[in-house]
Amino acid sequence: MKRQKNNPAVRFLVIFIGLFLLFYYFNIMFFGLTSPGGKHYVAFLDNHLNYIDGLRWLLLNGSAGILHWMGYVAITNKYELLVAGKGFIRVVYTCLGLGVLSFFSAFVIAYPKPLKAKLIFLLSGILGIQLLNLARFIGVALFWNRHRNQIIDHHTLFNILIYIIIAVVLYFWIKAGNTHTKHAAN
């Protein structure tokens, strides 16, 4: 009985789905482990390895810094950004974009490209996603009024926009590699 070669598309899909589920559910599990008062709270992880709080702090303080640079008075605490005379946002777990990052990271790691190309694209993509998240935080803090905008959820709107952007960027990243491979073969 002959052994069949692995189908690259099936291999990619299995790795992608596996990594996405691993990253996505690891983040949820870690959030549960670092949430004080939770059933499985681990103080050491919360106090010393809490990347979720670190990302929240970075996004809130980055947004406040940009707003200060733009001439606004903005203050933050652990979960909120307040812009004087404008509005405020409360940054909860779902605002951090960890699901989007899980999808993007799993796709890039699973896709068959050289390691260097993956690392450069992965790091620049994560940075780009978080810069878009900063822009969202600033826009929401300055212009969003939840009493006026009850029909449209900015989380849903941002997710749709970010997945469209990711799809376009991934398309060109994949196509660039295929074009290079075709030219090399000729």
N, C-alpha and C. Protein backbone atom coordinates (compact mmCIF):
# COMPACT_ATOMS: atom_id res chain seq x y z
N MET A 1 0.85 -1.18 0.00
CA MET A 1 0.00 0.00 0.00
C MET A 1 0.89 1.23 0.00
N LYS A 2 0.68 2.10 -0.98
CA LYS A 2 1.48 3.31 -1.08
C LYS A 2 0.97 4.39 -0.16
N ARG A 3 1.92 5.11 0.39
CA ARG A 3 1.56 6.23 1.28
C ARG A 3 1.34 7.48 0.42
N GLN A 4 0.20 8.13 0.60
CA GLN A 4 -0.09 9.33 -0.17
C GLN A 4 0.63 10.53 0.43
N LYS A 5 1.02 11.46 -0.47
CA LYS A 5 1.64 12.70 0.01
C LYS A 5 0.58 13.57 0.67
N ASN A 6 1.03 14.36 1.62
CA ASN A 6 0.10 15.28 2.29
C ASN A 6 -0.36 16.34 1.31
N ASN A 7 -1.61 16.61 1.33
CA ASN A 7 -2.17 17.68 0.53
C ASN A 7 -1.84 19.00 1.24
N PRO A 8 -1.11 19.93 0.58
CA PRO A 8 -0.70 21.18 1.24
C PRO A 8 -1.88 22.02 1.73
N ALA A 9 -2.99 22.00 0.99
CA ALA A 9 -4.15 22.79 1.40
C ALA A 9 -4.77 22.22 2.68
N VAL A 10 -4.85 20.90 2.76
CA VAL A 10 -5.41 20.26 3.95
C VAL A 10 -4.47 20.47 5.13
N ARG A 11 -3.17 20.34 4.88
CA ARG A 11 -2.17 20.56 5.93
C ARG A 11 -2.28 21.98 6.48
N PHE A 12 -2.37 22.98 5.59
CA PHE A 12 -2.52 24.37 6.01
C PHE A 12 -3.78 24.53 6.85
N LEU A 13 -4.89 24.01 6.36
CA LEU A 13 -6.18 24.17 7.04
C LEU A 13 -6.15 23.54 8.44
N VAL A 14 -5.57 22.37 8.56
CA VAL A 14 -5.51 21.70 9.87
C VAL A 14 -4.64 22.50 10.83
N ILE A 15 -3.48 22.95 10.35
CA ILE A 15 -2.59 23.73 11.22
C ILE A 15 -3.23 25.06 11.59
N PHE A 16 -3.83 25.72 10.61
CA PHE A 16 -4.48 27.01 10.85
C PHE A 16 -5.59 26.88 11.89
N ILE A 17 -6.48 25.95 11.70
CA ILE A 17 -7.60 25.78 12.65
C ILE A 17 -7.07 25.39 14.03
N GLY A 18 -6.11 24.48 14.06
CA GLY A 18 -5.53 24.06 15.34
C GLY A 18 -4.89 25.22 16.08
N LEU A 19 -4.07 26.01 15.37
CA LEU A 19 -3.41 27.16 16.01
C LEU A 19 -4.42 28.22 16.43
N PHE A 20 -5.41 28.47 15.57
CA PHE A 20 -6.42 29.47 15.94
C PHE A 20 -7.12 29.06 17.22
N LEU A 21 -7.57 27.82 17.30
CA LEU A 21 -8.27 27.36 18.50
C LEU A 21 -7.35 27.40 19.72
N LEU A 22 -6.09 27.02 19.54
CA LEU A 22 -5.14 27.08 20.64
C LEU A 22 -4.95 28.51 21.14
N PHE A 23 -4.67 29.45 20.23
CA PHE A 23 -4.44 30.84 20.62
C PHE A 23 -5.71 31.46 21.23
N TYR A 24 -6.84 31.24 20.56
CA TYR A 24 -8.09 31.86 20.99
C TYR A 24 -8.49 31.40 22.39
N TYR A 25 -8.48 30.08 22.58
CA TYR A 25 -8.92 29.56 23.87
C TYR A 25 -7.85 29.72 24.96
N PHE A 26 -6.58 29.77 24.59
CA PHE A 26 -5.56 30.07 25.57
C PHE A 26 -5.78 31.47 26.14
N ASN A 27 -6.09 32.45 25.28
CA ASN A 27 -6.35 33.81 25.75
C ASN A 27 -7.54 33.85 26.69
N ILE A 28 -8.60 33.14 26.35
CA ILE A 28 -9.78 33.10 27.21
C ILE A 28 -9.45 32.44 28.55
N MET A 29 -8.71 31.33 28.48
CA MET A 29 -8.31 30.65 29.71
C MET A 29 -7.43 31.56 30.57
N PHE A 30 -6.47 32.21 29.95
CA PHE A 30 -5.56 33.08 30.69
C PHE A 30 -6.32 34.24 31.31
N PHE A 31 -7.29 34.78 30.58
CA PHE A 31 -8.13 35.86 31.13
C PHE A 31 -8.85 35.37 32.38
N GLY A 32 -9.37 34.15 32.32
CA GLY A 32 -10.05 33.58 33.49
C GLY A 32 -9.10 33.38 34.67
N LEU A 33 -7.89 32.96 34.38
CA LEU A 33 -6.91 32.72 35.43
C LEU A 33 -6.41 34.02 36.07
N THR A 34 -6.51 35.13 35.36
CA THR A 34 -5.99 36.40 35.86
C THR A 34 -7.10 37.38 36.26
N SER A 35 -8.32 36.88 36.36
CA SER A 35 -9.45 37.72 36.77
C SER A 35 -9.70 37.52 38.27
N PRO A 36 -9.37 38.53 39.09
CA PRO A 36 -9.58 38.39 40.53
C PRO A 36 -11.04 38.05 40.84
N GLY A 37 -11.22 37.15 41.76
CA GLY A 37 -12.57 36.73 42.13
C GLY A 37 -13.06 35.56 41.31
N GLY A 38 -12.33 35.20 40.27
CA GLY A 38 -12.72 34.07 39.44
C GLY A 38 -12.49 32.75 40.15
N LYS A 39 -13.14 31.72 39.67
CA LYS A 39 -13.08 30.40 40.28
C LYS A 39 -11.66 29.82 40.28
N HIS A 40 -10.90 30.11 39.21
CA HIS A 40 -9.57 29.53 39.06
C HIS A 40 -8.48 30.61 39.06
N TYR A 41 -8.69 31.68 39.80
CA TYR A 41 -7.75 32.81 39.84
C TYR A 41 -6.37 32.37 40.34
N VAL A 42 -5.32 32.83 39.60
CA VAL A 42 -3.94 32.56 39.99
C VAL A 42 -3.24 33.90 40.15
N ALA A 43 -2.99 34.28 41.39
CA ALA A 43 -2.42 35.59 41.70
C ALA A 43 -1.06 35.80 41.03
N PHE A 44 -0.23 34.76 40.99
CA PHE A 44 1.10 34.90 40.37
C PHE A 44 0.98 35.32 38.91
N LEU A 45 0.12 34.65 38.16
CA LEU A 45 -0.07 35.00 36.75
C LEU A 45 -0.59 36.42 36.61
N ASP A 46 -1.55 36.79 37.46
CA ASP A 46 -2.13 38.13 37.40
C ASP A 46 -1.09 39.19 37.72
N ASN A 47 -0.27 38.97 38.72
CA ASN A 47 0.68 39.98 39.17
C ASN A 47 1.96 40.04 38.35
N HIS A 48 2.34 38.94 37.69
CA HIS A 48 3.66 38.91 37.06
C HIS A 48 3.66 38.62 35.56
N LEU A 49 2.63 37.98 35.03
CA LEU A 49 2.64 37.57 33.62
C LEU A 49 1.38 37.98 32.87
N ASN A 50 0.68 38.97 33.34
CA ASN A 50 -0.62 39.32 32.77
C ASN A 50 -0.48 40.18 31.52
N TYR A 51 -0.28 39.52 30.38
CA TYR A 51 -0.13 40.23 29.11
C TYR A 51 -1.43 40.91 28.68
N ILE A 52 -2.56 40.41 29.15
CA ILE A 52 -3.84 41.02 28.80
C ILE A 52 -3.95 42.42 29.42
N ASP A 53 -3.63 42.52 30.71
CA ASP A 53 -3.61 43.85 31.35
C ASP A 53 -2.54 44.74 30.74
N GLY A 54 -1.41 44.15 30.36
CA GLY A 54 -0.34 44.92 29.72
C GLY A 54 -0.79 45.50 28.40
N LEU A 55 -1.49 44.70 27.60
CA LEU A 55 -2.00 45.19 26.32
C LEU A 55 -3.05 46.28 26.54
N ARG A 56 -3.94 46.06 27.52
CA ARG A 56 -4.95 47.08 27.83
C ARG A 56 -4.29 48.39 28.25
N TRP A 57 -3.27 48.31 29.12
CA TRP A 57 -2.55 49.49 29.58
C TRP A 57 -1.89 50.20 28.39
N LEU A 58 -1.27 49.45 27.52
CA LEU A 58 -0.60 50.02 26.35
C LEU A 58 -1.59 50.73 25.43
N LEU A 59 -2.72 50.10 25.18
CA LEU A 59 -3.73 50.71 24.30
C LEU A 59 -4.36 51.95 24.93
N LEU A 60 -4.70 51.87 26.21
CA LEU A 60 -5.30 53.04 26.88
C LEU A 60 -4.32 54.20 26.96
N ASN A 61 -3.11 53.93 27.40
CA ASN A 61 -2.13 55.00 27.55
C ASN A 61 -1.60 55.50 26.21
N GLY A 62 -1.53 54.61 25.23
CA GLY A 62 -1.18 55.05 23.88
C GLY A 62 -2.23 55.97 23.30
N SER A 63 -3.49 55.62 23.50
CA SER A 63 -4.60 56.47 23.04
C SER A 63 -4.56 57.82 23.75
N ALA A 64 -4.36 57.80 25.06
CA ALA A 64 -4.29 59.05 25.83
C ALA A 64 -3.12 59.91 25.36
N GLY A 65 -1.97 59.29 25.09
CA GLY A 65 -0.81 60.02 24.61
C GLY A 65 -1.07 60.69 23.27
N ILE A 66 -1.70 59.97 22.35
CA ILE A 66 -2.03 60.55 21.05
C ILE A 66 -3.04 61.69 21.21
N LEU A 67 -4.02 61.48 22.08
CA LEU A 67 -5.01 62.53 22.33
C LEU A 67 -4.36 63.77 22.94
N HIS A 68 -3.43 63.60 23.86
CA HIS A 68 -2.68 64.74 24.42
C HIS A 68 -1.94 65.47 23.31
N TRP A 69 -1.30 64.71 22.44
CA TRP A 69 -0.56 65.28 21.31
C TRP A 69 -1.50 66.07 20.39
N MET A 70 -2.76 65.63 20.29
CA MET A 70 -3.76 66.31 19.46
C MET A 70 -4.39 67.51 20.18
N GLY A 71 -4.01 67.75 21.44
CA GLY A 71 -4.51 68.90 22.17
C GLY A 71 -5.67 68.62 23.10
N TYR A 72 -6.04 67.37 23.29
CA TYR A 72 -7.13 67.02 24.20
C TYR A 72 -6.58 66.69 25.58
N VAL A 73 -7.44 66.85 26.58
CA VAL A 73 -7.11 66.42 27.93
C VAL A 73 -7.73 65.03 28.10
N ALA A 74 -6.87 64.05 28.35
CA ALA A 74 -7.34 62.68 28.48
C ALA A 74 -6.70 62.04 29.70
N ILE A 75 -7.50 61.30 30.44
CA ILE A 75 -6.99 60.57 31.60
C ILE A 75 -7.43 59.12 31.50
N THR A 76 -6.63 58.26 32.13
CA THR A 76 -6.95 56.83 32.11
C THR A 76 -6.90 56.26 33.51
N ASN A 77 -7.58 55.15 33.67
CA ASN A 77 -7.37 54.29 34.82
C ASN A 77 -7.15 52.89 34.26
N LYS A 78 -7.29 51.87 35.05
CA LYS A 78 -6.99 50.52 34.59
C LYS A 78 -7.87 50.06 33.42
N TYR A 79 -9.12 50.57 33.35
CA TYR A 79 -10.06 50.09 32.34
C TYR A 79 -10.66 51.18 31.46
N GLU A 80 -10.44 52.45 31.75
CA GLU A 80 -11.17 53.51 31.06
C GLU A 80 -10.26 54.62 30.55
N LEU A 81 -10.76 55.26 29.51
CA LEU A 81 -10.15 56.46 28.94
C LEU A 81 -11.24 57.53 28.90
N LEU A 82 -10.94 58.67 29.50
CA LEU A 82 -11.88 59.79 29.53
C LEU A 82 -11.24 60.96 28.80
N VAL A 83 -11.98 61.53 27.86
CA VAL A 83 -11.51 62.72 27.15
C VAL A 83 -12.40 63.87 27.60
N ALA A 84 -11.78 64.87 28.23
CA ALA A 84 -12.54 66.00 28.79
C ALA A 84 -13.39 66.67 27.72
N GLY A 85 -14.67 66.82 28.04
CA GLY A 85 -15.60 67.48 27.14
C GLY A 85 -16.07 66.64 25.97
N LYS A 86 -15.62 65.41 25.88
CA LYS A 86 -15.99 64.54 24.73
C LYS A 86 -16.71 63.29 25.21
N GLY A 87 -15.97 62.31 25.61
CA GLY A 87 -16.59 61.05 25.99
C GLY A 87 -15.59 60.15 26.67
N PHE A 88 -16.01 58.92 26.92
CA PHE A 88 -15.12 57.97 27.55
C PHE A 88 -15.37 56.59 26.95
N ILE A 89 -14.39 55.73 27.13
CA ILE A 89 -14.55 54.34 26.75
C ILE A 89 -14.11 53.46 27.91
N ARG A 90 -14.73 52.32 28.00
CA ARG A 90 -14.33 51.29 28.97
C ARG A 90 -13.80 50.14 28.14
N VAL A 91 -12.56 49.78 28.38
CA VAL A 91 -11.90 48.75 27.59
C VAL A 91 -11.98 47.42 28.32
N VAL A 92 -12.84 46.56 27.81
CA VAL A 92 -13.01 45.21 28.37
C VAL A 92 -12.23 44.23 27.49
N TYR A 93 -12.23 42.98 27.89
CA TYR A 93 -11.46 41.95 27.20
C TYR A 93 -11.73 41.94 25.69
N THR A 94 -13.00 42.04 25.30
CA THR A 94 -13.36 41.94 23.89
C THR A 94 -12.87 43.12 23.06
N CYS A 95 -12.47 44.20 23.69
CA CYS A 95 -11.96 45.37 22.98
C CYS A 95 -10.51 45.22 22.55
N LEU A 96 -9.81 44.26 23.09
CA LEU A 96 -8.37 44.17 22.90
C LEU A 96 -7.96 43.56 21.55
N GLY A 97 -8.88 42.93 20.88
CA GLY A 97 -8.58 42.37 19.57
C GLY A 97 -7.84 41.05 19.61
N LEU A 98 -7.93 40.33 20.73
CA LEU A 98 -7.19 39.08 20.85
C LEU A 98 -7.75 37.99 19.92
N GLY A 99 -9.03 38.02 19.63
CA GLY A 99 -9.60 37.07 18.67
C GLY A 99 -9.07 37.33 17.27
N VAL A 100 -9.01 38.60 16.88
CA VAL A 100 -8.47 38.98 15.59
C VAL A 100 -6.99 38.61 15.51
N LEU A 101 -6.25 38.88 16.58
CA LEU A 101 -4.84 38.53 16.61
C LEU A 101 -4.64 37.02 16.53
N SER A 102 -5.52 36.26 17.16
CA SER A 102 -5.43 34.80 17.10
C SER A 102 -5.63 34.31 15.68
N PHE A 103 -6.62 34.86 14.99
CA PHE A 103 -6.89 34.49 13.60
C PHE A 103 -5.69 34.84 12.71
N PHE A 104 -5.23 36.08 12.81
CA PHE A 104 -4.14 36.55 11.96
C PHE A 104 -2.86 35.74 12.22
N SER A 105 -2.52 35.56 13.49
CA SER A 105 -1.29 34.84 13.84
C SER A 105 -1.36 33.39 13.36
N ALA A 106 -2.48 32.73 13.58
CA ALA A 106 -2.62 31.34 13.15
C ALA A 106 -2.49 31.22 11.64
N PHE A 107 -3.09 32.14 10.91
CA PHE A 107 -3.02 32.10 9.44
C PHE A 107 -1.58 32.25 8.97
N VAL A 108 -0.90 33.27 9.48
CA VAL A 108 0.47 33.55 9.03
C VAL A 108 1.41 32.41 9.39
N ILE A 109 1.31 31.88 10.60
CA ILE A 109 2.19 30.78 11.01
C ILE A 109 1.91 29.53 10.19
N ALA A 110 0.65 29.25 9.90
CA ALA A 110 0.29 28.03 9.17
C ALA A 110 0.61 28.11 7.68
N TYR A 111 0.65 29.30 7.14
CA TYR A 111 0.85 29.43 5.69
C TYR A 111 2.28 29.04 5.32
N PRO A 112 2.46 28.28 4.25
CA PRO A 112 3.80 27.81 3.88
C PRO A 112 4.63 28.90 3.20
N LYS A 113 5.38 29.61 4.02
CA LYS A 113 6.32 30.63 3.55
C LYS A 113 7.57 30.52 4.40
N PRO A 114 8.67 31.12 3.94
CA PRO A 114 9.89 31.09 4.75
C PRO A 114 9.69 31.78 6.11
N LEU A 115 10.41 31.29 7.11
CA LEU A 115 10.27 31.78 8.48
C LEU A 115 10.48 33.29 8.58
N LYS A 116 11.50 33.81 7.91
CA LYS A 116 11.78 35.24 7.97
C LYS A 116 10.60 36.06 7.45
N ALA A 117 10.03 35.65 6.34
CA ALA A 117 8.87 36.35 5.77
C ALA A 117 7.69 36.30 6.73
N LYS A 118 7.49 35.15 7.37
CA LYS A 118 6.40 35.00 8.34
C LYS A 118 6.60 35.94 9.53
N LEU A 119 7.82 35.94 10.07
CA LEU A 119 8.09 36.77 11.25
C LEU A 119 7.90 38.25 10.97
N ILE A 120 8.43 38.71 9.86
CA ILE A 120 8.29 40.13 9.50
C ILE A 120 6.82 40.49 9.31
N PHE A 121 6.10 39.66 8.56
CA PHE A 121 4.69 39.93 8.31
C PHE A 121 3.86 39.82 9.58
N LEU A 122 4.16 38.82 10.41
CA LEU A 122 3.43 38.63 11.66
C LEU A 122 3.58 39.83 12.59
N LEU A 123 4.82 40.25 12.80
CA LEU A 123 5.07 41.38 13.70
C LEU A 123 4.48 42.68 13.15
N SER A 124 4.65 42.92 11.86
CA SER A 124 4.08 44.15 11.30
C SER A 124 2.55 44.09 11.28
N GLY A 125 1.99 42.92 11.07
CA GLY A 125 0.52 42.77 11.09
C GLY A 125 -0.06 42.99 12.47
N ILE A 126 0.59 42.44 13.49
CA ILE A 126 0.13 42.64 14.87
C ILE A 126 0.21 44.11 15.23
N LEU A 127 1.31 44.74 14.86
CA LEU A 127 1.46 46.18 15.10
C LEU A 127 0.37 46.97 14.37
N GLY A 128 0.13 46.63 13.12
CA GLY A 128 -0.90 47.31 12.33
C GLY A 128 -2.29 47.15 12.93
N ILE A 129 -2.61 45.94 13.37
CA ILE A 129 -3.92 45.69 13.98
C ILE A 129 -4.08 46.53 15.24
N GLN A 130 -3.04 46.60 16.05
CA GLN A 130 -3.15 47.37 17.29
C GLN A 130 -3.15 48.88 17.02
N LEU A 131 -2.48 49.32 15.97
CA LEU A 131 -2.57 50.75 15.60
C LEU A 131 -3.99 51.09 15.15
N LEU A 132 -4.63 50.19 14.42
CA LEU A 132 -6.04 50.41 14.05
C LEU A 132 -6.92 50.39 15.29
N ASN A 133 -6.60 49.55 16.25
CA ASN A 133 -7.35 49.52 17.51
C ASN A 133 -7.18 50.85 18.26
N LEU A 134 -5.96 51.39 18.29
CA LEU A 134 -5.73 52.71 18.89
C LEU A 134 -6.60 53.76 18.21
N ALA A 135 -6.62 53.75 16.88
CA ALA A 135 -7.44 54.72 16.14
C ALA A 135 -8.92 54.56 16.50
N ARG A 136 -9.35 53.31 16.67
CA ARG A 136 -10.75 53.07 17.07
C ARG A 136 -11.02 53.64 18.45
N PHE A 137 -10.13 53.39 19.41
CA PHE A 137 -10.32 53.91 20.76
C PHE A 137 -10.42 55.43 20.74
N ILE A 138 -9.55 56.06 19.99
CA ILE A 138 -9.55 57.53 19.91
C ILE A 138 -10.85 58.02 19.27
N GLY A 139 -11.23 57.40 18.17
CA GLY A 139 -12.47 57.79 17.49
C GLY A 139 -13.70 57.60 18.36
N VAL A 140 -13.77 56.47 19.04
CA VAL A 140 -14.91 56.20 19.91
C VAL A 140 -14.95 57.20 21.06
N ALA A 141 -13.80 57.46 21.67
CA ALA A 141 -13.74 58.40 22.80
C ALA A 141 -14.13 59.82 22.37
N LEU A 142 -13.79 60.20 21.15
CA LEU A 142 -14.09 61.56 20.69
C LEU A 142 -15.49 61.71 20.11
N PHE A 143 -15.99 60.70 19.41
CA PHE A 143 -17.19 60.90 18.61
C PHE A 143 -18.36 59.96 18.89
N TRP A 144 -18.15 58.89 19.63
CA TRP A 144 -19.22 57.91 19.81
C TRP A 144 -20.14 58.31 20.94
N ASN A 145 -21.41 58.25 20.67
CA ASN A 145 -22.42 58.49 21.70
C ASN A 145 -23.34 57.28 21.69
N ARG A 146 -23.24 56.47 22.70
CA ARG A 146 -24.01 55.22 22.68
C ARG A 146 -25.52 55.45 22.74
N HIS A 147 -25.95 56.62 23.22
CA HIS A 147 -27.39 56.89 23.23
C HIS A 147 -27.90 57.24 21.84
N ARG A 148 -27.07 57.89 21.04
CA ARG A 148 -27.44 58.20 19.66
C ARG A 148 -27.22 57.03 18.73
N ASN A 149 -26.23 56.21 19.00
CA ASN A 149 -25.83 55.13 18.10
C ASN A 149 -26.19 53.76 18.66
N GLN A 150 -27.45 53.58 19.02
CA GLN A 150 -27.86 52.32 19.61
C GLN A 150 -28.00 51.20 18.58
N ILE A 151 -28.16 51.56 17.32
CA ILE A 151 -28.36 50.55 16.28
C ILE A 151 -27.02 49.93 15.86
N ILE A 152 -25.98 50.72 15.80
CA ILE A 152 -24.68 50.26 15.33
C ILE A 152 -23.76 50.02 16.53
N ASP A 153 -23.19 48.84 16.59
CA ASP A 153 -22.24 48.49 17.64
C ASP A 153 -20.83 48.69 17.09
N HIS A 154 -20.05 49.54 17.73
CA HIS A 154 -18.71 49.83 17.21
C HIS A 154 -17.80 48.60 17.25
N HIS A 155 -18.05 47.64 18.15
CA HIS A 155 -17.27 46.40 18.15
C HIS A 155 -17.50 45.63 16.85
N THR A 156 -18.76 45.47 16.49
CA THR A 156 -19.10 44.76 15.27
C THR A 156 -18.56 45.48 14.05
N LEU A 157 -18.74 46.79 14.01
CA LEU A 157 -18.24 47.59 12.91
C LEU A 157 -16.72 47.46 12.78
N PHE A 158 -16.01 47.54 13.89
CA PHE A 158 -14.55 47.41 13.87
C PHE A 158 -14.15 46.02 13.40
N ASN A 159 -14.82 44.98 13.90
CA ASN A 159 -14.47 43.62 13.50
C ASN A 159 -14.67 43.40 12.00
N ILE A 160 -15.77 43.91 11.47
CA ILE A 160 -16.00 43.79 10.03
C ILE A 160 -14.90 44.49 9.26
N LEU A 161 -14.59 45.71 9.66
CA LEU A 161 -13.55 46.49 8.98
C LEU A 161 -12.19 45.80 9.08
N ILE A 162 -11.83 45.35 10.27
CA ILE A 162 -10.50 44.76 10.46
C ILE A 162 -10.37 43.44 9.69
N TYR A 163 -11.42 42.63 9.65
CA TYR A 163 -11.34 41.38 8.89
C TYR A 163 -11.27 41.63 7.39
N ILE A 164 -11.92 42.67 6.91
CA ILE A 164 -11.79 43.03 5.49
C ILE A 164 -10.35 43.46 5.20
N ILE A 165 -9.81 44.30 6.06
CA ILE A 165 -8.42 44.75 5.88
C ILE A 165 -7.46 43.56 5.94
N ILE A 166 -7.65 42.68 6.90
CA ILE A 166 -6.79 41.50 7.01
C ILE A 166 -6.90 40.63 5.77
N ALA A 167 -8.11 40.42 5.28
CA ALA A 167 -8.30 39.59 4.08
C ALA A 167 -7.56 40.18 2.88
N VAL A 168 -7.64 41.49 2.71
CA VAL A 168 -6.97 42.15 1.59
C VAL A 168 -5.45 42.04 1.76
N VAL A 169 -4.96 42.31 2.95
CA VAL A 169 -3.51 42.26 3.21
C VAL A 169 -2.99 40.82 3.03
N LEU A 170 -3.73 39.84 3.55
CA LEU A 170 -3.31 38.45 3.39
C LEU A 170 -3.31 38.05 1.91
N TYR A 171 -4.30 38.50 1.18
CA TYR A 171 -4.36 38.21 -0.26
C TYR A 171 -3.09 38.70 -0.96
N PHE A 172 -2.70 39.94 -0.71
CA PHE A 172 -1.50 40.48 -1.36
C PHE A 172 -0.23 39.82 -0.85
N TRP A 173 -0.20 39.45 0.43
CA TRP A 173 0.98 38.76 0.98
C TRP A 173 1.15 37.39 0.33
N ILE A 174 0.05 36.67 0.18
CA ILE A 174 0.09 35.36 -0.47
C ILE A 174 0.45 35.51 -1.95
N LYS A 175 -0.21 36.46 -2.60
CA LYS A 175 0.03 36.68 -4.03
C LYS A 175 1.48 37.10 -4.29
N ALA A 176 2.05 37.93 -3.44
CA ALA A 176 3.44 38.37 -3.61
C ALA A 176 4.38 37.18 -3.58
N GLY A 177 4.13 36.25 -2.71
CA GLY A 177 4.97 35.05 -2.63
C GLY A 177 4.80 34.16 -3.84
N ASN A 178 3.58 34.03 -4.33
CA ASN A 178 3.32 33.21 -5.51
C ASN A 178 3.92 33.82 -6.76
N THR A 179 3.85 35.15 -6.89
CA THR A 179 4.43 35.83 -8.04
C THR A 179 5.94 35.64 -8.03
N HIS A 180 6.56 35.76 -6.86
CA HIS A 180 8.00 35.59 -6.74
C HIS A 180 8.39 34.16 -7.12
N THR A 181 7.61 33.19 -6.69
CA THR A 181 7.89 31.79 -6.99
C THR A 181 7.77 31.53 -8.49
N LYS A 182 6.74 32.10 -9.14
CA LYS A 182 6.54 31.92 -10.57
C LYS A 182 7.70 32.51 -11.36
N HIS A 183 8.16 33.71 -10.97
CA HIS A 183 9.28 34.35 -11.67
C HIS A 183 10.56 33.56 -11.48
N ALA A 184 10.76 32.99 -10.31
CA ALA A 184 11.96 32.20 -10.03
C ALA A 184 11.97 30.91 -10.86
N ALA A 185 10.80 30.35 -11.10
CA ALA A 185 10.70 29.11 -11.86
C ALA A 185 10.95 29.35 -13.36
N ASN A 186 10.69 30.55 -13.84
CA ASN A 186 10.87 30.84 -15.29
C ASN A 186 12.30 31.06 -15.66
